[in-house]
Amino acid sequence: MKLIAQSENIENIISKDSIYVDKTEYIFNLTKQYERVFFSRPRRFGKSLTLNTIGTLFEKGVEPYFKETWIYDKWDQDKYPVLHLSFLEYSKTDIDEFKELFSLSISDFAKTLGYDDAVSSKKPNRAIIELFNILEKEERQIVVLIDEYDCQLTANINNPALYDEFKNCIRDFYAALKGKKQIKFLAV
């Protein structure tokens, strides 16, 4: 008997031949109708898998991961680099470490695109702006996926000072994303 998928990665689900409830029609409609999406669902409702599925479609296309799904013969998007940020990877207790690791993720992503020294800021909002400036010159677009967007805030709900520092940093980062034409698709 096959196991129901318990992974947050579509590639793992397919490689292990697990049962996958095909939600690709919804993802297709979502990506066709909107450029910016905010998912607000309770924990363990598949947000991470949904973001991973969107990222795989934009970055790798339908082969070989979506062969027996609804989207297989309908997805016609070009491929785009995907900046997939998971706030779980960053500090919940040290704002400076949070900023440094967050900015490093953006810098590392820029390097994968061939922009080795393009992003040097240690502030996430400045780092993403540096990336967008390079992308604008190259007339390139990316997909931005942000998982566990509230991790630092929920971890510090009882620590008002630290909560405010994280809130301000994250707010400034989201402000830097607003209206950027370098973003093909954004999901949080």
C-alpha atoms as a PDB file:
ATOM      1  CA  MET A   1       0.000   0.000   0.000  1.00  0.00           C
ATOM      2  CA  LYS A   2       1.350   3.431  -0.924  1.00  0.00           C
ATOM      3  CA  LEU A   3       1.893   6.030   1.762  1.00  0.00           C
ATOM      4  CA  ILE A   4       0.108   9.342   1.638  1.00  0.00           C
ATOM      5  CA  ALA A   5       2.650  12.067   0.967  1.00  0.00           C
ATOM      6  CA  GLN A   6       4.213  13.459   4.113  1.00  0.00           C
ATOM      7  CA  SER A   7       6.843  15.613   2.449  1.00  0.00           C
ATOM      8  CA  GLU A   8       6.998  19.315   1.734  1.00  0.00           C
ATOM      9  CA  ASN A   9       8.825  18.638  -1.534  1.00  0.00           C
ATOM     10  CA  ILE A  10       7.002  17.506  -4.681  1.00  0.00           C
ATOM     11  CA  GLU A  11      10.151  15.858  -6.049  1.00  0.00           C
ATOM     12  CA  ASN A  12      10.384  13.601  -2.961  1.00  0.00           C
ATOM     13  CA  ILE A  13       6.733  12.661  -3.255  1.00  0.00           C
ATOM     14  CA  ILE A  14       7.122  11.614  -6.877  1.00  0.00           C
ATOM     15  CA  SER A  15      10.424   9.772  -6.349  1.00  0.00           C
ATOM     16  CA  LYS A  16       8.944   7.756  -3.453  1.00  0.00           C
ATOM     17  CA  ASP A  17       5.793   7.015  -5.463  1.00  0.00           C
ATOM     18  CA  SER A  18       3.617   8.333  -2.625  1.00  0.00           C
ATOM     19  CA  ILE A  19      -0.026   9.241  -2.940  1.00  0.00           C
ATOM     20  CA  TYR A  20      -0.408  12.888  -3.906  1.00  0.00           C
ATOM     21  CA  VAL A  21      -3.748  14.681  -3.904  1.00  0.00           C
ATOM     22  CA  ASP A  22      -3.591  16.584  -7.180  1.00  0.00           C
ATOM     23  CA  LYS A  23      -4.171  20.277  -6.530  1.00  0.00           C
ATOM     24  CA  THR A  24      -2.400  21.406  -9.685  1.00  0.00           C
ATOM     25  CA  GLU A  25      -5.572  22.767 -11.284  1.00  0.00           C
ATOM     26  CA  TYR A  26      -5.888  25.219  -8.387  1.00  0.00           C
ATOM     27  CA  ILE A  27      -2.211  26.143  -8.648  1.00  0.00           C
ATOM     28  CA  PHE A  28      -2.577  26.671 -12.397  1.00  0.00           C
ATOM     29  CA  ASN A  29      -5.562  28.985 -11.922  1.00  0.00           C
ATOM     30  CA  LEU A  30      -3.828  30.820  -9.105  1.00  0.00           C
ATOM     31  CA  THR A  31      -0.685  31.514 -11.150  1.00  0.00           C
ATOM     32  CA  LYS A  32      -2.678  32.532 -14.229  1.00  0.00           C
ATOM     33  CA  GLN A  33      -5.033  34.906 -12.418  1.00  0.00           C
ATOM     34  CA  TYR A  34      -2.691  36.556  -9.920  1.00  0.00           C
ATOM     35  CA  GLU A  35       0.854  37.853  -9.704  1.00  0.00           C
ATOM     36  CA  ARG A  36       0.866  38.222  -5.900  1.00  0.00           C
ATOM     37  CA  VAL A  37      -0.701  35.736  -3.474  1.00  0.00           C
ATOM     38  CA  PHE A  38      -0.908  35.512   0.310  1.00  0.00           C
ATOM     39  CA  PHE A  39      -1.731  32.111   1.841  1.00  0.00           C
ATOM     40  CA  SER A  40      -3.262  32.200   5.277  1.00  0.00           C
ATOM     41  CA  ARG A  41      -4.019  28.711   6.518  1.00  0.00           C
ATOM     42  CA  PRO A  42      -3.510  26.865   9.791  1.00  0.00           C
ATOM     43  CA  ARG A  43      -0.363  24.848  10.370  1.00  0.00           C
ATOM     44  CA  ARG A  44      -0.113  21.469   8.604  1.00  0.00           C
ATOM     45  CA  PHE A  45      -2.508  22.465   5.800  1.00  0.00           C
ATOM     46  CA  GLY A  46       0.026  22.145   2.992  1.00  0.00           C
ATOM     47  CA  LYS A  47       1.356  25.682   2.536  1.00  0.00           C
ATOM     48  CA  SER A  48       4.972  24.533   2.247  1.00  0.00           C
ATOM     49  CA  LEU A  49       4.131  21.809  -0.269  1.00  0.00           C
ATOM     50  CA  THR A  50       2.020  24.253  -2.272  1.00  0.00           C
ATOM     51  CA  LEU A  51       4.891  26.758  -2.401  1.00  0.00           C
ATOM     52  CA  ASN A  52       7.339  24.011  -3.329  1.00  0.00           C
ATOM     53  CA  THR A  53       5.011  22.817  -6.096  1.00  0.00           C
ATOM     54  CA  ILE A  54       4.713  26.350  -7.483  1.00  0.00           C
ATOM     55  CA  GLY A  55       8.489  26.738  -7.332  1.00  0.00           C
ATOM     56  CA  THR A  56       9.093  23.434  -9.110  1.00  0.00           C
ATOM     57  CA  LEU A  57       6.667  24.353 -11.892  1.00  0.00           C
ATOM     58  CA  PHE A  58       8.259  27.752 -12.496  1.00  0.00           C
ATOM     59  CA  GLU A  59      11.851  26.566 -12.155  1.00  0.00           C
ATOM     60  CA  LYS A  60      11.771  23.111 -13.760  1.00  0.00           C
ATOM     61  CA  GLY A  61       8.494  22.839 -15.659  1.00  0.00           C
ATOM     62  CA  VAL A  62       6.270  19.764 -15.702  1.00  0.00           C
ATOM     63  CA  GLU A  63       8.850  17.112 -16.654  1.00  0.00           C
ATOM     64  CA  PRO A  64       9.152  14.652 -14.969  1.00  0.00           C
ATOM     65  CA  TYR A  65       7.326  15.605 -11.777  1.00  0.00           C
ATOM     66  CA  PHE A  66       3.808  16.271 -13.012  1.00  0.00           C
ATOM     67  CA  LYS A  67       3.236  13.529 -15.609  1.00  0.00           C
ATOM     68  CA  GLU A  68      -0.011  12.182 -14.194  1.00  0.00           C
ATOM     69  CA  THR A  69      -1.438  15.428 -12.858  1.00  0.00           C
ATOM     70  CA  TRP A  70      -4.041  17.824 -14.211  1.00  0.00           C
ATOM     71  CA  ILE A  71      -1.465  20.495 -15.053  1.00  0.00           C
ATOM     72  CA  TYR A  72       0.830  18.308 -17.164  1.00  0.00           C
ATOM     73  CA  ASP A  73      -0.409  19.298 -20.630  1.00  0.00           C
ATOM     74  CA  LYS A  74      -1.596  22.776 -19.646  1.00  0.00           C
ATOM     75  CA  TRP A  75       1.458  24.447 -18.076  1.00  0.00           C
ATOM     76  CA  ASP A  76       3.057  26.679 -20.705  1.00  0.00           C
ATOM     77  CA  GLN A  77       5.019  29.121 -18.562  1.00  0.00           C
ATOM     78  CA  ASP A  78       8.615  29.923 -19.344  1.00  0.00           C
ATOM     79  CA  LYS A  79      11.080  28.842 -16.687  1.00  0.00           C
ATOM     80  CA  TYR A  80      12.120  31.384 -14.055  1.00  0.00           C
ATOM     81  CA  PRO A  81      14.667  31.357 -11.242  1.00  0.00           C
ATOM     82  CA  VAL A  82      12.939  30.874  -7.887  1.00  0.00           C
ATOM     83  CA  LEU A  83      14.021  32.679  -4.735  1.00  0.00           C
ATOM     84  CA  HIS A  84      12.519  30.410  -2.080  1.00  0.00           C
ATOM     85  CA  LEU A  85      12.922  31.886   1.385  1.00  0.00           C
ATOM     86  CA  SER A  86      11.920  29.975   4.495  1.00  0.00           C
ATOM     87  CA  PHE A  87      11.980  32.076   7.642  1.00  0.00           C
ATOM     88  CA  LEU A  88      12.434  28.860   9.639  1.00  0.00           C
ATOM     89  CA  GLU A  89      16.081  28.954   8.517  1.00  0.00           C
ATOM     90  CA  TYR A  90      16.748  32.274  10.242  1.00  0.00           C
ATOM     91  CA  SER A  91      17.222  33.203  13.876  1.00  0.00           C
ATOM     92  CA  LYS A  92      14.154  33.773  16.009  1.00  0.00           C
ATOM     93  CA  THR A  93      16.077  35.254  18.924  1.00  0.00           C
ATOM     94  CA  ASP A  94      18.759  37.504  17.417  1.00  0.00           C
ATOM     95  CA  ILE A  95      17.682  40.253  15.026  1.00  0.00           C
ATOM     96  CA  ASP A  96      21.207  40.897  13.742  1.00  0.00           C
ATOM     97  CA  GLU A  97      21.754  37.226  12.959  1.00  0.00           C
ATOM     98  CA  PHE A  98      18.310  37.120  11.320  1.00  0.00           C
ATOM     99  CA  LYS A  99      19.203  40.047   9.044  1.00  0.00           C
ATOM    100  CA  GLU A 100      22.602  38.590   8.207  1.00  0.00           C
ATOM    101  CA  LEU A 101      21.304  35.117   7.292  1.00  0.00           C
ATOM    102  CA  PHE A 102      18.306  36.521   5.429  1.00  0.00           C
ATOM    103  CA  SER A 103      20.550  38.828   3.384  1.00  0.00           C
ATOM    104  CA  LEU A 104      22.998  35.996   2.783  1.00  0.00           C
ATOM    105  CA  SER A 105      20.176  33.917   1.268  1.00  0.00           C
ATOM    106  CA  ILE A 106      19.484  36.722  -1.202  1.00  0.00           C
ATOM    107  CA  SER A 107      23.188  37.113  -1.953  1.00  0.00           C
ATOM    108  CA  ASP A 108      23.603  33.358  -2.497  1.00  0.00           C
ATOM    109  CA  PHE A 109      20.612  33.359  -4.839  1.00  0.00           C
ATOM    110  CA  ALA A 110      22.153  36.230  -6.823  1.00  0.00           C
ATOM    111  CA  LYS A 111      25.334  34.169  -7.153  1.00  0.00           C
ATOM    112  CA  THR A 112      23.366  31.263  -8.624  1.00  0.00           C
ATOM    113  CA  LEU A 113      22.202  33.698 -11.305  1.00  0.00           C
ATOM    114  CA  GLY A 114      25.791  34.680 -12.070  1.00  0.00           C
ATOM    115  CA  TYR A 115      25.818  37.939 -10.112  1.00  0.00           C
ATOM    116  CA  ASP A 116      28.701  37.136  -7.786  1.00  0.00           C
ATOM    117  CA  ASP A 117      29.233  40.512  -6.136  1.00  0.00           C
ATOM    118  CA  ALA A 118      25.891  42.152  -6.834  1.00  0.00           C
ATOM    119  CA  VAL A 119      24.371  41.790  -3.363  1.00  0.00           C
ATOM    120  CA  SER A 120      26.449  42.862  -0.379  1.00  0.00           C
ATOM    121  CA  SER A 121      24.035  44.555   2.018  1.00  0.00           C
ATOM    122  CA  LYS A 122      23.434  42.973   5.428  1.00  0.00           C
ATOM    123  CA  LYS A 123      19.897  44.376   5.526  1.00  0.00           C
ATOM    124  CA  PRO A 124      17.300  42.211   3.743  1.00  0.00           C
ATOM    125  CA  ASN A 125      15.388  45.146   2.236  1.00  0.00           C
ATOM    126  CA  ARG A 126      18.596  46.611   0.796  1.00  0.00           C
ATOM    127  CA  ALA A 127      19.806  43.188  -0.366  1.00  0.00           C
ATOM    128  CA  ILE A 128      16.639  42.533  -2.358  1.00  0.00           C
ATOM    129  CA  ILE A 129      16.794  46.023  -3.873  1.00  0.00           C
ATOM    130  CA  GLU A 130      20.388  45.357  -4.960  1.00  0.00           C
ATOM    131  CA  LEU A 131      19.194  42.144  -6.626  1.00  0.00           C
ATOM    132  CA  PHE A 132      16.279  43.899  -8.319  1.00  0.00           C
ATOM    133  CA  ASN A 133      18.589  46.603  -9.662  1.00  0.00           C
ATOM    134  CA  ILE A 134      20.700  43.976 -11.428  1.00  0.00           C
ATOM    135  CA  LEU A 135      17.636  42.106 -12.682  1.00  0.00           C
ATOM    136  CA  GLU A 136      16.206  45.341 -14.070  1.00  0.00           C
ATOM    137  CA  LYS A 137      19.364  46.013 -16.086  1.00  0.00           C
ATOM    138  CA  GLU A 138      19.202  42.475 -17.470  1.00  0.00           C
ATOM    139  CA  GLU A 139      15.411  42.665 -17.981  1.00  0.00           C
ATOM    140  CA  ARG A 140      15.008  39.428 -16.016  1.00  0.00           C
ATOM    141  CA  GLN A 141      12.224  38.261 -13.749  1.00  0.00           C
ATOM    142  CA  ILE A 142      12.197  35.855 -10.840  1.00  0.00           C
ATOM    143  CA  VAL A 143       9.628  34.049  -8.738  1.00  0.00           C
ATOM    144  CA  VAL A 144       9.690  34.834  -5.013  1.00  0.00           C
ATOM    145  CA  LEU A 145       8.256  32.328  -2.536  1.00  0.00           C
ATOM    146  CA  ILE A 146       8.273  33.041   1.198  1.00  0.00           C
ATOM    147  CA  ASP A 147       7.477  30.233   3.619  1.00  0.00           C
ATOM    148  CA  GLU A 148       6.901  30.492   7.379  1.00  0.00           C
ATOM    149  CA  TYR A 149       6.599  34.278   7.005  1.00  0.00           C
ATOM    150  CA  ASP A 150       5.451  34.741  10.596  1.00  0.00           C
ATOM    151  CA  CYS A 151       7.954  32.460  12.342  1.00  0.00           C
ATOM    152  CA  GLN A 152       9.940  35.213  14.093  1.00  0.00           C
ATOM    153  CA  LEU A 153       6.813  37.128  15.045  1.00  0.00           C
ATOM    154  CA  THR A 154       5.013  34.194  16.620  1.00  0.00           C
ATOM    155  CA  ALA A 155       8.209  33.177  18.435  1.00  0.00           C
ATOM    156  CA  ASN A 156       8.393  36.628  20.034  1.00  0.00           C
ATOM    157  CA  ILE A 157       4.751  37.402  20.694  1.00  0.00           C
ATOM    158  CA  ASN A 158       5.564  37.731  24.418  1.00  0.00           C
ATOM    159  CA  ASN A 159       8.706  39.799  23.883  1.00  0.00           C
ATOM    160  CA  PRO A 160       7.410  43.162  22.610  1.00  0.00           C
ATOM    161  CA  ALA A 161      10.824  44.747  22.013  1.00  0.00           C
ATOM    162  CA  LEU A 162      12.173  41.890  19.901  1.00  0.00           C
ATOM    163  CA  TYR A 163       8.803  41.419  18.211  1.00  0.00           C
ATOM    164  CA  ASP A 164       8.900  45.063  17.083  1.00  0.00           C
ATOM    165  CA  GLU A 165      12.443  44.721  15.734  1.00  0.00           C
ATOM    166  CA  PHE A 166      11.491  41.672  13.664  1.00  0.00           C
ATOM    167  CA  LYS A 167       8.225  43.310  12.575  1.00  0.00           C
ATOM    168  CA  ASN A 168      10.039  46.424  11.348  1.00  0.00           C
ATOM    169  CA  CYS A 169      12.679  44.435   9.481  1.00  0.00           C
ATOM    170  CA  ILE A 170      10.119  42.191   7.803  1.00  0.00           C
ATOM    171  CA  ARG A 171       7.868  45.162   6.994  1.00  0.00           C
ATOM    172  CA  ASP A 172      10.781  46.958   5.323  1.00  0.00           C
ATOM    173  CA  PHE A 173      11.561  43.841   3.291  1.00  0.00           C
ATOM    174  CA  TYR A 174       7.960  43.495   2.075  1.00  0.00           C
ATOM    175  CA  ALA A 175       7.900  47.197   1.201  1.00  0.00           C
ATOM    176  CA  ALA A 176      10.930  46.625  -1.047  1.00  0.00           C
ATOM    177  CA  LEU A 177       8.957  43.952  -2.945  1.00  0.00           C
ATOM    178  CA  LYS A 178       5.935  46.127  -3.607  1.00  0.00           C
ATOM    179  CA  GLY A 179       5.206  46.696  -7.265  1.00  0.00           C
ATOM    180  CA  LYS A 180       8.523  45.372  -8.570  1.00  0.00           C
ATOM    181  CA  LYS A 181       8.307  44.334 -12.227  1.00  0.00           C
ATOM    182  CA  GLN A 182      11.244  41.990 -11.667  1.00  0.00           C
ATOM    183  CA  ILE A 183       8.845  39.640  -9.862  1.00  0.00           C
ATOM    184  CA  LYS A 184       6.991  37.292 -12.188  1.00  0.00           C
ATOM    185  CA  PHE A 185       5.080  35.711  -9.309  1.00  0.00           C
ATOM    186  CA  LEU A 186       5.139  36.193  -5.530  1.00  0.00           C
ATOM    187  CA  ALA A 187       3.571  33.919  -2.933  1.00  0.00           C
ATOM    188  CA  VAL A 188       3.782  34.311   0.821  1.00  0.00           C
END
